Amino acid sequence: MTRSDSDVEQSRSDGGGGSRLALVVGVATVIGTVVTVAGFILTKPWQEDASPIVNVTVEQPLNPSDSGSDLLSSLQNCPLDPPEPGLTHVQALLRIDGSDGCFEQDIAVSGPGKRLTMMIKYANGTDETQKAIVGANLSDHVKFVPGSTRIFNANYPNGTEAETDNVYTGGINIGNYEPGTNAYVTFDLDLGDSNQFAKCGNYTLKQVGGVWPEGENTIYNTAILTLKIPC
């Protein structure tokens, strides 16, 4: 992937190569928290005839308050941004793994060696059914945890295993979504150990979540991780 200098900002150190979605970023137009990127090009496109990871058409929204999942139940007290009418919505969020706190778009973590959970929230606010491809662009100094991807929607309110790690290497097809429906894709990230950091200080790392509805422009949203390496 070709990245701009703003893809990963580090206040003290330049990192090595991290996991990246194979994309080229073009001109971006900000609409609320959603960014529509006209110049996104998939250099590793999915196969148009490939079966979706979740082979269903979702016809009703997922209501976190109706779910028995601990992860989704935690959203009852942590409302996320609602989708704007007529738009596809995506939101990237982070949370320290195992905590019962809220998913946040901007979090700070002290020291390496921690594990985070990243959530990509998708909602179809348009009046058309969408085939949704969801993926992530990860910064340096974070490592995707294999086998950790789960998909939550109205058909799978407690989540289902994606059984693929392609969420950060080209995206995964999570099925078809009727207008007004939504889904959550989650996966875990490990932070590097101390020998990966040349200097102490604060590292500002951007984790990008994206959705590629068939026939629409790519839409993405960024979660900011401030990693504090003690001196």
Protein backbone atom coordinates (compact mmCIF):
# COMPACT_ATOMS: atom_id res chain seq x y z
CA MET A 1 0.00 0.00 0.00
CA THR A 2 1.14 3.53 -0.71
CA ARG A 3 0.48 5.70 2.33
CA SER A 4 0.51 9.41 2.96
CA ASP A 5 2.60 10.74 5.82
CA SER A 6 -0.57 11.27 7.83
CA ASP A 7 -1.51 7.57 7.87
CA VAL A 8 0.62 6.93 10.96
CA GLU A 9 1.84 9.79 13.12
CA GLN A 10 4.45 9.07 15.77
CA SER A 11 5.64 11.83 18.04
CA ARG A 12 9.02 10.31 18.86
CA SER A 13 9.90 7.51 16.48
CA ASP A 14 9.45 6.09 12.98
CA GLY A 15 8.29 2.47 13.00
CA GLY A 16 8.90 -0.51 10.76
CA GLY A 17 6.47 -1.99 8.30
CA GLY A 18 3.07 -2.88 9.74
CA SER A 19 0.01 -4.69 8.42
CA ARG A 20 -1.80 -2.62 5.83
CA LEU A 21 -4.86 -3.00 3.69
CA ALA A 22 -3.76 -2.75 0.07
CA LEU A 23 -5.28 0.61 -0.75
CA VAL A 24 -4.25 3.88 -2.35
CA VAL A 25 -5.77 6.94 -0.70
CA GLY A 26 -7.16 9.71 -2.91
CA VAL A 27 -9.21 12.82 -2.21
CA ALA A 28 -11.32 12.63 0.95
CA THR A 29 -14.54 14.46 1.78
CA VAL A 30 -15.52 14.53 5.44
CA ILE A 31 -19.21 14.08 6.30
CA GLY A 32 -19.57 14.12 10.09
CA THR A 33 -17.47 11.25 11.37
CA VAL A 34 -17.67 9.47 8.02
CA VAL A 35 -15.12 10.05 5.29
CA THR A 36 -15.92 9.18 1.68
CA VAL A 37 -12.73 8.53 -0.24
CA ALA A 38 -13.14 8.90 -3.99
CA GLY A 39 -9.61 7.76 -4.75
CA PHE A 40 -9.54 4.42 -2.94
CA ILE A 41 -8.34 1.63 -5.21
CA LEU A 42 -8.26 -1.98 -4.11
CA THR A 43 -5.01 -3.43 -5.40
CA LYS A 44 -6.07 -6.79 -3.93
CA PRO A 45 -9.76 -6.80 -4.86
CA TRP A 46 -12.12 -9.44 -3.54
CA GLN A 47 -13.60 -11.89 -6.01
CA GLU A 48 -17.03 -10.65 -7.10
CA ASP A 49 -18.36 -14.23 -7.13
CA ALA A 50 -16.85 -15.16 -3.76
CA SER A 51 -19.26 -16.34 -1.11
CA PRO A 52 -19.79 -13.95 1.80
CA ILE A 53 -18.35 -14.82 5.18
CA VAL A 54 -21.87 -14.52 6.62
CA ASN A 55 -24.04 -16.04 3.92
CA VAL A 56 -27.30 -14.27 4.76
CA THR A 57 -29.40 -11.27 3.86
CA VAL A 58 -30.00 -9.20 6.99
CA GLU A 59 -33.49 -7.70 6.98
CA GLN A 60 -33.71 -6.15 10.43
CA PRO A 61 -31.31 -4.10 12.58
CA LEU A 62 -29.24 -5.51 15.38
CA ASN A 63 -30.26 -3.97 18.70
CA PRO A 64 -27.44 -4.34 21.22
CA SER A 65 -29.87 -4.13 24.14
CA ASP A 66 -31.60 -7.30 22.91
CA SER A 67 -28.39 -9.29 22.68
CA GLY A 68 -26.97 -11.67 25.24
CA SER A 69 -23.43 -10.89 24.11
CA ASP A 70 -21.31 -9.22 26.78
CA LEU A 71 -19.58 -7.20 24.08
CA LEU A 72 -22.78 -5.84 22.57
CA SER A 73 -24.55 -5.48 25.91
CA SER A 74 -21.77 -3.10 26.92
CA LEU A 75 -22.92 -0.77 24.14
CA GLN A 76 -26.19 -0.08 25.95
CA ASN A 77 -24.43 2.49 28.12
CA CYS A 78 -22.01 3.56 25.39
CA PRO A 79 -24.14 4.82 22.48
CA LEU A 80 -22.36 5.10 19.15
CA ASP A 81 -22.91 7.73 16.49
CA PRO A 82 -26.19 7.04 14.63
CA PRO A 83 -26.05 6.73 10.84
CA GLU A 84 -27.06 9.74 8.80
CA PRO A 85 -30.14 9.12 6.63
CA GLY A 86 -29.24 8.31 3.04
CA LEU A 87 -25.60 7.46 3.83
CA THR A 88 -23.55 4.36 4.47
CA HIS A 89 -22.02 4.63 7.93
CA VAL A 90 -18.77 3.23 9.32
CA GLN A 91 -17.17 3.91 12.69
CA ALA A 92 -13.81 2.60 13.97
CA LEU A 93 -13.45 2.11 17.72
CA LEU A 94 -11.00 0.61 20.21
CA ARG A 95 -11.16 -0.87 23.70
CA ILE A 96 -8.64 -2.57 25.98
CA ASP A 97 -9.32 -6.30 25.66
CA GLY A 98 -11.19 -7.80 28.56
CA SER A 99 -12.38 -4.48 29.97
CA ASP A 100 -16.04 -3.62 30.46
CA GLY A 101 -15.52 -0.01 29.41
CA CYS A 102 -16.84 1.71 26.33
CA PHE A 103 -15.39 1.41 22.87
CA GLU A 104 -13.75 4.74 22.10
CA GLN A 105 -12.58 6.49 18.96
CA ASP A 106 -9.60 8.00 20.79
CA ILE A 107 -7.88 6.04 23.56
CA ALA A 108 -4.55 6.14 25.41
CA VAL A 109 -2.65 3.06 26.60
CA SER A 110 0.48 3.01 28.78
CA GLY A 111 3.26 0.62 27.89
CA PRO A 112 3.63 -2.10 25.24
CA GLY A 113 2.42 -5.67 25.55
CA LYS A 114 -1.29 -4.84 25.83
CA ARG A 115 -4.09 -6.35 23.77
CA LEU A 116 -6.90 -4.26 22.26
CA THR A 117 -10.20 -5.07 20.60
CA MET A 118 -11.03 -3.07 17.49
CA MET A 119 -14.63 -2.70 16.37
CA ILE A 120 -15.82 -1.59 12.94
CA LYS A 121 -19.45 -0.54 13.07
CA TYR A 122 -21.32 -0.63 9.74
CA ALA A 123 -24.85 0.60 9.07
CA ASN A 124 -26.78 0.82 5.81
CA GLY A 125 -28.52 4.18 5.92
CA THR A 126 -29.39 4.12 2.21
CA ASP A 127 -32.59 2.92 0.55
CA GLU A 128 -30.83 0.10 -1.33
CA THR A 129 -29.67 -3.38 -0.29
CA GLN A 130 -25.87 -3.44 0.05
CA LYS A 131 -23.27 -6.17 -0.25
CA ALA A 132 -20.85 -5.04 2.46
CA ILE A 133 -17.09 -5.60 2.35
CA VAL A 134 -15.45 -4.61 5.64
CA GLY A 135 -11.72 -4.23 6.22
CA ALA A 136 -9.04 -2.49 8.26
CA ASN A 137 -5.79 -0.64 7.65
CA LEU A 138 -3.56 -1.16 10.68
CA SER A 139 -0.67 1.04 11.73
CA ASP A 140 2.87 0.11 12.65
CA HIS A 141 3.43 -1.28 16.16
CA VAL A 142 0.16 -3.22 16.26
CA LYS A 143 -0.24 -6.87 15.29
CA PHE A 144 -3.46 -8.54 14.22
CA VAL A 145 -4.35 -11.57 16.36
CA PRO A 146 -5.10 -14.50 14.02
CA GLY A 147 -8.47 -16.16 14.42
CA SER A 148 -9.98 -13.29 16.41
CA THR A 149 -12.42 -11.83 13.84
CA ARG A 150 -16.11 -12.02 14.75
CA ILE A 151 -19.20 -10.67 13.00
CA PHE A 152 -22.33 -9.49 14.83
CA ASN A 153 -25.65 -8.78 13.09
CA ALA A 154 -29.35 -9.49 13.60
CA ASN A 155 -28.88 -13.08 12.41
CA TYR A 156 -25.92 -13.57 14.76
CA PRO A 157 -26.59 -11.28 17.75
CA ASN A 158 -24.03 -13.15 19.87
CA GLY A 159 -21.48 -13.13 17.08
CA THR A 160 -20.10 -15.71 14.68
CA GLU A 161 -16.50 -16.57 13.86
CA ALA A 162 -15.34 -15.16 10.54
CA GLU A 163 -12.92 -18.09 10.10
CA THR A 164 -10.63 -15.87 8.02
CA ASP A 165 -7.98 -13.28 8.79
CA ASN A 166 -8.60 -11.28 5.61
CA VAL A 167 -10.17 -8.35 7.44
CA TYR A 168 -6.79 -6.58 7.36
CA THR A 169 -5.49 -7.97 4.03
CA GLY A 170 -8.18 -6.96 1.53
CA GLY A 171 -11.46 -7.07 3.44
CA ILE A 172 -14.18 -9.66 4.06
CA ASN A 173 -17.65 -9.94 2.55
CA ILE A 174 -20.05 -9.94 5.51
CA GLY A 175 -23.23 -10.46 3.46
CA ASN A 176 -26.15 -8.41 2.17
CA TYR A 177 -27.85 -5.75 4.28
CA GLU A 178 -31.28 -4.23 3.73
CA PRO A 179 -31.85 -0.48 4.34
CA GLY A 180 -31.73 0.38 8.03
CA THR A 181 -29.73 -2.69 9.08
CA ASN A 182 -26.32 -2.83 10.72
CA ALA A 183 -23.39 -5.03 11.73
CA TYR A 184 -20.31 -5.00 13.94
CA VAL A 185 -16.99 -6.62 13.05
CA THR A 186 -14.49 -7.09 15.88
CA PHE A 187 -10.95 -8.43 16.10
CA ASP A 188 -8.00 -8.24 18.49
CA LEU A 189 -4.72 -6.36 18.21
CA ASP A 190 -1.49 -6.94 20.15
CA LEU A 191 0.81 -4.02 20.89
CA GLY A 192 4.53 -4.61 20.38
CA ASP A 193 6.99 -5.29 23.15
CA SER A 194 9.48 -2.69 24.30
CA ASN A 195 12.30 -3.67 21.92
CA GLN A 196 10.16 -2.55 18.96
CA PHE A 197 10.32 1.07 20.10
CA ALA A 198 13.51 2.99 19.41
CA LYS A 199 12.66 5.75 21.87
CA CYS A 200 10.40 6.38 24.82
CA GLY A 201 7.53 8.84 24.57
CA ASN A 202 4.08 8.96 23.02
CA TYR A 203 3.26 7.26 19.73
CA THR A 204 0.10 8.32 17.91
CA LEU A 205 -1.14 5.35 15.90
CA LYS A 206 -4.10 5.42 13.52
CA GLN A 207 -6.27 2.34 12.95
CA VAL A 208 -8.60 2.70 9.98
CA GLY A 209 -11.87 0.83 9.47
CA GLY A 210 -13.45 0.80 6.02
CA VAL A 211 -16.51 -0.47 4.20
CA TRP A 212 -16.89 -1.00 0.46
CA PRO A 213 -20.58 -1.27 -0.46
CA GLU A 214 -20.93 -2.66 -3.96
CA GLY A 215 -21.48 0.20 -6.40
CA GLU A 216 -20.48 2.93 -3.92
CA ASN A 217 -17.32 4.80 -3.03
CA THR A 218 -15.14 3.48 -0.23
CA ILE A 219 -16.01 4.91 3.17
CA TYR A 220 -13.65 4.81 6.13
CA ASN A 221 -13.23 6.09 9.67
CA THR A 222 -10.17 6.33 11.93
CA ALA A 223 -9.62 5.38 15.56
CA ILE A 224 -6.67 7.05 17.30
CA LEU A 225 -4.45 5.10 19.70
CA THR A 226 -1.94 7.02 21.82
CA LEU A 227 0.65 4.53 23.02
CA LYS A 228 2.77 5.79 25.93
CA ILE A 229 6.21 4.16 26.18
CA PRO A 230 7.75 4.99 29.58
CA CYS A 231 11.28 6.36 29.79
